Amino acid sequence: MAYNRPGERSTERRPERRVFHRRKVCRFCTDSNLKIEYKDPGSLRHFVSEKGKIIPRRITGNCANHQRELTVAIKRARAIALLPFVVSEY
């Protein structure tokens, strides 16, 4: 395999790959019946990873306002021990 000098273009062509991503939609905006409450740890667990970290907005698909509400609710639920801060498995 020959390496190119800086500024030179590669002579090898890579095949074009098409990647289709489904548009993520905020589930709280679409369904007005869903509420974000710190007292409901069952619904908040969908937005927390196995290790106890809050899943980011780019993965969950939430809008910025609902993601902020969600993080506050998760932190409140952690403070009163409804959700764990860290999950450790021994």
N, C-alpha and C. Protein backbone atom coordinates (compact mmCIF):
# COMPACT_ATOMS: atom_id res chain seq x y z
N MET A 1 0.86 -1.18 0.00
CA MET A 1 0.00 0.00 0.00
C MET A 1 0.89 1.23 0.00
N ALA A 2 0.73 2.05 -0.98
CA ALA A 2 1.54 3.25 -1.09
C ALA A 2 0.86 4.41 -0.37
N TYR A 3 1.65 5.15 0.39
CA TYR A 3 1.13 6.31 1.09
C TYR A 3 1.32 7.55 0.24
N ASN A 4 0.38 8.45 0.29
CA ASN A 4 0.45 9.67 -0.50
C ASN A 4 1.22 10.73 0.25
N ARG A 5 1.88 11.57 -0.52
CA ARG A 5 2.56 12.71 0.07
C ARG A 5 1.51 13.75 0.45
N PRO A 6 1.85 14.63 1.37
CA PRO A 6 0.87 15.67 1.74
C PRO A 6 0.49 16.51 0.53
N GLY A 7 -0.79 16.71 0.34
CA GLY A 7 -1.28 17.50 -0.77
C GLY A 7 -1.67 16.68 -1.99
N GLU A 8 -1.29 15.42 -2.04
CA GLU A 8 -1.64 14.57 -3.17
C GLU A 8 -2.95 13.85 -2.91
N ARG A 9 -3.68 13.63 -3.95
CA ARG A 9 -4.95 12.92 -3.84
C ARG A 9 -4.73 11.43 -4.03
N SER A 10 -5.59 10.67 -3.40
CA SER A 10 -5.51 9.23 -3.53
C SER A 10 -6.03 8.82 -4.90
N THR A 11 -5.37 7.82 -5.47
CA THR A 11 -5.81 7.33 -6.78
C THR A 11 -6.87 6.25 -6.64
N GLU A 12 -7.02 5.71 -5.41
CA GLU A 12 -8.01 4.67 -5.19
C GLU A 12 -9.38 5.30 -4.97
N ARG A 13 -10.40 4.67 -5.52
CA ARG A 13 -11.78 5.13 -5.35
C ARG A 13 -12.49 4.25 -4.34
N ARG A 14 -13.16 4.88 -3.41
CA ARG A 14 -13.97 4.13 -2.46
C ARG A 14 -15.40 4.11 -2.95
N PRO A 15 -16.06 2.99 -2.78
CA PRO A 15 -17.47 2.95 -3.20
C PRO A 15 -18.32 3.85 -2.31
N GLU A 16 -19.25 4.54 -2.93
CA GLU A 16 -20.14 5.43 -2.20
C GLU A 16 -21.14 4.60 -1.39
N ARG A 17 -21.27 4.92 -0.11
CA ARG A 17 -22.24 4.23 0.73
C ARG A 17 -23.36 5.20 1.07
N ARG A 18 -24.57 4.74 0.88
CA ARG A 18 -25.72 5.56 1.24
C ARG A 18 -26.21 5.15 2.61
N VAL A 19 -26.30 6.11 3.49
CA VAL A 19 -26.77 5.85 4.84
C VAL A 19 -28.02 6.68 5.05
N PHE A 20 -29.12 6.01 5.34
CA PHE A 20 -30.37 6.69 5.57
C PHE A 20 -30.68 6.67 7.06
N HIS A 21 -30.86 7.84 7.63
CA HIS A 21 -31.20 7.94 9.05
C HIS A 21 -32.64 8.39 9.19
N ARG A 22 -33.33 7.76 10.11
CA ARG A 22 -34.71 8.14 10.38
C ARG A 22 -34.70 9.41 11.22
N ARG A 23 -35.54 10.34 10.87
CA ARG A 23 -35.62 11.60 11.60
C ARG A 23 -36.16 11.35 12.99
N LYS A 24 -35.44 11.80 14.00
CA LYS A 24 -35.87 11.60 15.38
C LYS A 24 -36.82 12.72 15.77
N VAL A 25 -37.89 12.35 16.42
CA VAL A 25 -38.92 13.32 16.79
C VAL A 25 -39.08 13.27 18.30
N CYS A 26 -39.27 14.43 18.91
CA CYS A 26 -39.46 14.51 20.35
C CYS A 26 -40.79 13.86 20.71
N ARG A 27 -40.75 12.85 21.55
CA ARG A 27 -41.98 12.13 21.89
C ARG A 27 -42.88 12.96 22.80
N PHE A 28 -42.31 13.92 23.52
CA PHE A 28 -43.12 14.77 24.40
C PHE A 28 -43.86 15.84 23.60
N CYS A 29 -43.28 16.28 22.49
CA CYS A 29 -43.96 17.26 21.64
C CYS A 29 -45.09 16.61 20.85
N THR A 30 -44.88 15.38 20.40
CA THR A 30 -45.90 14.72 19.58
C THR A 30 -47.08 14.24 20.41
N ASP A 31 -46.83 13.76 21.63
CA ASP A 31 -47.90 13.26 22.48
C ASP A 31 -48.03 14.16 23.70
N SER A 32 -49.09 14.97 23.74
CA SER A 32 -49.27 15.93 24.83
C SER A 32 -49.69 15.26 26.13
N ASN A 33 -50.07 13.98 26.10
CA ASN A 33 -50.45 13.27 27.31
C ASN A 33 -49.25 12.86 28.16
N LEU A 34 -48.09 12.77 27.54
CA LEU A 34 -46.89 12.40 28.28
C LEU A 34 -46.41 13.58 29.12
N LYS A 35 -46.14 13.33 30.38
CA LYS A 35 -45.65 14.36 31.29
C LYS A 35 -44.30 13.94 31.83
N ILE A 36 -43.44 14.92 32.07
CA ILE A 36 -42.14 14.66 32.67
C ILE A 36 -42.27 14.96 34.15
N GLU A 37 -42.25 13.91 34.97
CA GLU A 37 -42.36 14.08 36.41
C GLU A 37 -41.25 13.30 37.09
N TYR A 38 -40.63 13.92 38.08
CA TYR A 38 -39.56 13.25 38.81
C TYR A 38 -40.10 12.12 39.68
N LYS A 39 -41.40 12.14 39.96
CA LYS A 39 -42.00 11.12 40.82
C LYS A 39 -42.28 9.81 40.08
N ASP A 40 -42.05 9.80 38.77
CA ASP A 40 -42.31 8.61 37.96
C ASP A 40 -40.99 8.04 37.43
N PRO A 41 -40.28 7.25 38.23
CA PRO A 41 -38.97 6.74 37.79
C PRO A 41 -39.07 5.74 36.65
N GLY A 42 -40.22 5.11 36.48
CA GLY A 42 -40.37 4.15 35.38
C GLY A 42 -40.24 4.79 34.02
N SER A 43 -40.83 5.96 33.85
CA SER A 43 -40.72 6.65 32.56
C SER A 43 -39.36 7.32 32.38
N LEU A 44 -38.72 7.70 33.48
CA LEU A 44 -37.41 8.35 33.39
C LEU A 44 -36.30 7.36 33.05
N ARG A 45 -36.52 6.08 33.34
CA ARG A 45 -35.47 5.09 33.08
C ARG A 45 -35.20 4.89 31.60
N HIS A 46 -36.13 5.28 30.75
CA HIS A 46 -35.90 5.18 29.30
C HIS A 46 -34.83 6.15 28.84
N PHE A 47 -34.58 7.18 29.64
CA PHE A 47 -33.64 8.23 29.26
C PHE A 47 -32.35 8.17 30.07
N VAL A 48 -32.12 7.04 30.74
CA VAL A 48 -30.91 6.83 31.52
C VAL A 48 -30.27 5.54 31.03
N SER A 49 -28.94 5.56 30.86
CA SER A 49 -28.25 4.37 30.36
C SER A 49 -28.14 3.31 31.45
N GLU A 50 -27.56 2.16 31.10
CA GLU A 50 -27.41 1.08 32.08
C GLU A 50 -26.49 1.46 33.21
N LYS A 51 -25.57 2.37 32.93
CA LYS A 51 -24.64 2.81 33.97
C LYS A 51 -25.18 3.97 34.79
N GLY A 52 -26.34 4.48 34.43
CA GLY A 52 -26.94 5.57 35.20
C GLY A 52 -26.73 6.94 34.61
N LYS A 53 -26.15 7.04 33.43
CA LYS A 53 -25.91 8.34 32.80
C LYS A 53 -27.14 8.79 32.01
N ILE A 54 -27.33 10.09 31.94
CA ILE A 54 -28.44 10.65 31.16
C ILE A 54 -28.08 10.55 29.68
N ILE A 55 -28.98 9.98 28.89
CA ILE A 55 -28.73 9.80 27.46
C ILE A 55 -28.88 11.15 26.76
N PRO A 56 -27.94 11.52 25.90
CA PRO A 56 -27.99 12.84 25.26
C PRO A 56 -29.13 12.99 24.26
N ARG A 57 -29.39 14.21 23.97
CA ARG A 57 -30.51 14.59 23.11
C ARG A 57 -30.37 14.09 21.69
N ARG A 58 -29.16 14.02 21.18
CA ARG A 58 -28.96 13.56 19.80
C ARG A 58 -29.30 12.10 19.65
N ILE A 59 -29.29 11.35 20.74
CA ILE A 59 -29.64 9.93 20.69
C ILE A 59 -31.12 9.73 20.96
N THR A 60 -31.67 10.43 21.96
CA THR A 60 -33.07 10.25 22.31
C THR A 60 -34.00 10.93 21.32
N GLY A 61 -33.56 12.02 20.71
CA GLY A 61 -34.40 12.73 19.76
C GLY A 61 -35.30 13.77 20.40
N ASN A 62 -35.08 14.08 21.68
CA ASN A 62 -35.89 15.09 22.34
C ASN A 62 -35.53 16.49 21.87
N CYS A 63 -36.49 17.41 21.99
CA CYS A 63 -36.18 18.81 21.69
C CYS A 63 -35.41 19.39 22.88
N ALA A 64 -34.85 20.58 22.71
CA ALA A 64 -34.00 21.17 23.74
C ALA A 64 -34.78 21.46 25.02
N ASN A 65 -35.99 21.96 24.90
CA ASN A 65 -36.78 22.30 26.09
C ASN A 65 -37.13 21.05 26.90
N HIS A 66 -37.57 20.02 26.22
CA HIS A 66 -37.94 18.80 26.93
C HIS A 66 -36.71 18.07 27.48
N GLN A 67 -35.58 18.17 26.80
CA GLN A 67 -34.36 17.54 27.32
C GLN A 67 -33.93 18.23 28.61
N ARG A 68 -34.08 19.55 28.66
CA ARG A 68 -33.74 20.28 29.89
C ARG A 68 -34.66 19.88 31.03
N GLU A 69 -35.96 19.80 30.73
CA GLU A 69 -36.92 19.37 31.76
C GLU A 69 -36.60 17.95 32.23
N LEU A 70 -36.22 17.12 31.30
CA LEU A 70 -35.91 15.73 31.61
C LEU A 70 -34.70 15.61 32.52
N THR A 71 -33.64 16.38 32.24
CA THR A 71 -32.44 16.32 33.08
C THR A 71 -32.73 16.81 34.49
N VAL A 72 -33.54 17.86 34.62
CA VAL A 72 -33.90 18.35 35.95
C VAL A 72 -34.69 17.29 36.70
N ALA A 73 -35.64 16.64 36.02
CA ALA A 73 -36.46 15.61 36.65
C ALA A 73 -35.60 14.41 37.07
N ILE A 74 -34.64 14.01 36.24
CA ILE A 74 -33.77 12.89 36.58
C ILE A 74 -32.91 13.24 37.78
N LYS A 75 -32.38 14.47 37.81
CA LYS A 75 -31.55 14.88 38.94
C LYS A 75 -32.36 14.96 40.22
N ARG A 76 -33.61 15.40 40.14
CA ARG A 76 -34.46 15.43 41.33
C ARG A 76 -34.78 14.02 41.81
N ALA A 77 -35.05 13.12 40.87
CA ALA A 77 -35.34 11.73 41.24
C ALA A 77 -34.12 11.07 41.86
N ARG A 78 -32.93 11.44 41.41
CA ARG A 78 -31.71 10.90 42.02
C ARG A 78 -31.54 11.42 43.44
N ALA A 79 -31.87 12.70 43.64
CA ALA A 79 -31.67 13.32 44.95
C ALA A 79 -32.54 12.68 46.02
N ILE A 80 -33.74 12.22 45.65
CA ILE A 80 -34.61 11.59 46.64
C ILE A 80 -34.60 10.06 46.50
N ALA A 81 -33.58 9.55 45.85
CA ALA A 81 -33.28 8.12 45.76
C ALA A 81 -34.33 7.30 45.02
N LEU A 82 -34.99 7.90 44.03
CA LEU A 82 -35.87 7.11 43.16
C LEU A 82 -35.08 6.51 42.00
N LEU A 83 -34.01 7.19 41.61
CA LEU A 83 -33.09 6.68 40.57
C LEU A 83 -31.69 6.65 41.15
N PRO A 84 -30.87 5.70 40.72
CA PRO A 84 -29.50 5.66 41.22
C PRO A 84 -28.60 6.66 40.50
N PHE A 85 -27.60 7.15 41.23
CA PHE A 85 -26.59 8.01 40.60
C PHE A 85 -25.69 7.17 39.71
N VAL A 86 -25.24 6.04 40.24
CA VAL A 86 -24.33 5.15 39.51
C VAL A 86 -24.82 3.72 39.73
N VAL A 87 -24.77 2.93 38.68
CA VAL A 87 -25.12 1.51 38.80
C VAL A 87 -23.83 0.72 38.80
N SER A 88 -23.59 0.02 39.87
CA SER A 88 -22.38 -0.81 39.95
C SER A 88 -22.79 -2.26 40.12
N GLU A 89 -22.23 -3.11 39.27
CA GLU A 89 -22.53 -4.53 39.34
C GLU A 89 -21.29 -5.29 39.75
N TYR A 90 -21.39 -6.05 40.81
CA TYR A 90 -20.26 -6.82 41.30
C TYR A 90 -20.54 -8.28 41.19
